[in-house]
C-alpha atoms as a PDB file:
ATOM      1  CA  MET A   1     -16.878  28.418   1.025  1.00  0.00           C
ATOM      2  CA  GLU A   2     -16.003  25.166   3.155  1.00  0.00           C
ATOM      3  CA  GLU A   3     -15.173  22.880   0.016  1.00  0.00           C
ATOM      4  CA  LEU A   4     -12.739  26.291  -1.184  1.00  0.00           C
ATOM      5  CA  LYS A   5     -11.096  26.255   2.011  1.00  0.00           C
ATOM      6  CA  LYS A   6     -10.859  22.284   2.217  1.00  0.00           C
ATOM      7  CA  ASN A   7      -9.363  22.951  -1.078  1.00  0.00           C
ATOM      8  CA  ASN A   8      -6.827  25.961   0.301  1.00  0.00           C
ATOM      9  CA  ILE A   9      -8.313  28.126  -1.947  1.00  0.00           C
ATOM     10  CA  PRO A  10      -8.949  31.463   0.102  1.00  0.00           C
ATOM     11  CA  ALA A  11     -12.003  32.916  -0.032  1.00  0.00           C
ATOM     12  CA  GLU A  12     -14.810  35.235   1.816  1.00  0.00           C
ATOM     13  CA  VAL A  13     -18.508  35.945   1.652  1.00  0.00           C
ATOM     14  CA  PHE A  14     -19.427  39.625   1.157  1.00  0.00           C
ATOM     15  CA  ASN A  15     -22.879  40.608   1.667  1.00  0.00           C
ATOM     16  CA  THR A  16     -22.919  43.182  -1.210  1.00  0.00           C
ATOM     17  CA  ALA A  17     -21.361  43.023  -4.768  1.00  0.00           C
ATOM     18  CA  GLY A  18     -19.039  45.628  -4.844  1.00  0.00           C
ATOM     19  CA  THR A  19     -18.764  48.754  -6.916  1.00  0.00           C
ATOM     20  CA  TYR A  20     -20.800  50.101  -9.818  1.00  0.00           C
ATOM     21  CA  VAL A  21     -20.602  47.204 -12.198  1.00  0.00           C
ATOM     22  CA  CYS A  22     -20.443  44.372 -10.062  1.00  0.00           C
ATOM     23  CA  ASN A  23     -23.553  45.647  -8.191  1.00  0.00           C
ATOM     24  CA  HIS A  24     -25.241  46.404 -11.729  1.00  0.00           C
ATOM     25  CA  ILE A  25     -25.331  43.036 -12.562  1.00  0.00           C
ATOM     26  CA  MET A  26     -25.812  41.561  -9.156  1.00  0.00           C
ATOM     27  CA  TYR A  27     -29.020  43.877  -8.776  1.00  0.00           C
ATOM     28  CA  GLY A  28     -30.117  43.421 -12.001  1.00  0.00           C
ATOM     29  CA  LEU A  29     -30.086  39.481 -12.236  1.00  0.00           C
ATOM     30  CA  LEU A  30     -31.532  39.828  -8.753  1.00  0.00           C
ATOM     31  CA  TYR A  31     -34.469  41.794 -10.189  1.00  0.00           C
ATOM     32  CA  LYS A  32     -34.767  39.085 -13.550  1.00  0.00           C
ATOM     33  CA  ILE A  33     -35.267  36.361 -11.152  1.00  0.00           C
ATOM     34  CA  ASP A  34     -37.591  37.885  -8.796  1.00  0.00           C
ATOM     35  CA  LYS A  35     -39.808  38.969 -11.924  1.00  0.00           C
ATOM     36  CA  LYS A  36     -39.307  36.042 -13.961  1.00  0.00           C
ATOM     37  CA  TYR A  37     -37.893  33.023 -12.401  1.00  0.00           C
ATOM     38  CA  PRO A  38     -39.104  33.164  -8.342  1.00  0.00           C
ATOM     39  CA  ASN A  39     -37.972  29.973  -8.093  1.00  0.00           C
ATOM     40  CA  MET A  40     -34.274  30.210  -9.137  1.00  0.00           C
ATOM     41  CA  LYS A  41     -31.735  31.463  -7.296  1.00  0.00           C
ATOM     42  CA  GLY A  42     -28.545  33.507  -8.452  1.00  0.00           C
ATOM     43  CA  GLY A  43     -25.440  35.153  -7.143  1.00  0.00           C
ATOM     44  CA  PHE A  44     -22.127  36.869  -7.906  1.00  0.00           C
ATOM     45  CA  ILE A  45     -18.603  35.280  -7.648  1.00  0.00           C
ATOM     46  CA  HIS A  46     -16.342  38.368  -7.802  1.00  0.00           C
ATOM     47  CA  ILE A  47     -12.927  36.801  -9.123  1.00  0.00           C
ATOM     48  CA  PRO A  48      -9.388  38.672  -8.149  1.00  0.00           C
ATOM     49  CA  PHE A  49      -7.037  39.819 -10.658  1.00  0.00           C
ATOM     50  CA  LEU A  50      -4.519  37.464 -12.567  1.00  0.00           C
ATOM     51  CA  PRO A  51      -1.059  37.808 -10.982  1.00  0.00           C
ATOM     52  CA  GLU A  52       0.269  39.086 -14.232  1.00  0.00           C
ATOM     53  CA  GLN A  53      -2.943  42.149 -13.955  1.00  0.00           C
ATOM     54  CA  VAL A  54      -1.179  43.735 -10.602  1.00  0.00           C
ATOM     55  CA  ILE A  55       2.485  43.636 -11.309  1.00  0.00           C
ATOM     56  CA  GLU A  56       3.005  47.374 -10.815  1.00  0.00           C
ATOM     57  CA  LYS A  57      -0.451  47.449  -8.273  1.00  0.00           C
ATOM     58  CA  THR A  58       1.082  46.980  -4.481  1.00  0.00           C
ATOM     59  CA  ASN A  59      -0.952  44.899  -2.139  1.00  0.00           C
ATOM     60  CA  THR A  60      -3.513  43.764  -4.634  1.00  0.00           C
ATOM     61  CA  PRO A  61      -5.111  40.207  -3.852  1.00  0.00           C
ATOM     62  CA  SER A  62      -4.399  38.280  -7.201  1.00  0.00           C
ATOM     63  CA  MET A  63      -4.731  34.038  -8.065  1.00  0.00           C
ATOM     64  CA  SER A  64      -3.551  31.985 -11.278  1.00  0.00           C
ATOM     65  CA  LEU A  65      -5.940  31.122 -13.624  1.00  0.00           C
ATOM     66  CA  ASP A  66      -5.793  27.592 -12.915  1.00  0.00           C
ATOM     67  CA  LEU A  67      -6.595  28.422  -9.330  1.00  0.00           C
ATOM     68  CA  ILE A  68      -9.416  30.453 -10.325  1.00  0.00           C
ATOM     69  CA  VAL A  69     -10.947  27.928 -12.785  1.00  0.00           C
ATOM     70  CA  LYS A  70     -10.360  25.305  -9.649  1.00  0.00           C
ATOM     71  CA  ALA A  71     -12.240  27.383  -7.386  1.00  0.00           C
ATOM     72  CA  LEU A  72     -15.077  28.232  -9.932  1.00  0.00           C
ATOM     73  CA  THR A  73     -15.502  24.524 -10.579  1.00  0.00           C
ATOM     74  CA  ILE A  74     -15.658  23.860  -6.909  1.00  0.00           C
ATOM     75  CA  ALA A  75     -18.569  26.300  -6.329  1.00  0.00           C
ATOM     76  CA  ILE A  76     -20.455  25.562  -9.259  1.00  0.00           C
ATOM     77  CA  GLU A  77     -20.377  21.701  -8.059  1.00  0.00           C
ATOM     78  CA  THR A  78     -21.153  22.547  -4.735  1.00  0.00           C
ATOM     79  CA  ILE A  79     -23.989  24.857  -5.692  1.00  0.00           C
ATOM     80  CA  MET A  80     -25.841  22.050  -7.774  1.00  0.00           C
ATOM     81  CA  GLU A  81     -25.674  19.681  -5.005  1.00  0.00           C
END
């Protein structure tokens, strides 16, 4: 998170994965890791809508594709360190 903020990319930590599909993916991943790959870590990165997806949705967060790619790159590089 610190690396994202150093690069002026807004980010927050949430202790839940979100609504149904997000929760299903996150907890399915954690279950599989627990049963088959006990030394592996897992996580979930929820990315915001693209600006063109929220044109008619007022007060809905969005981020440009370039910034999303930059944020994911930073997050993955940070995790790998």
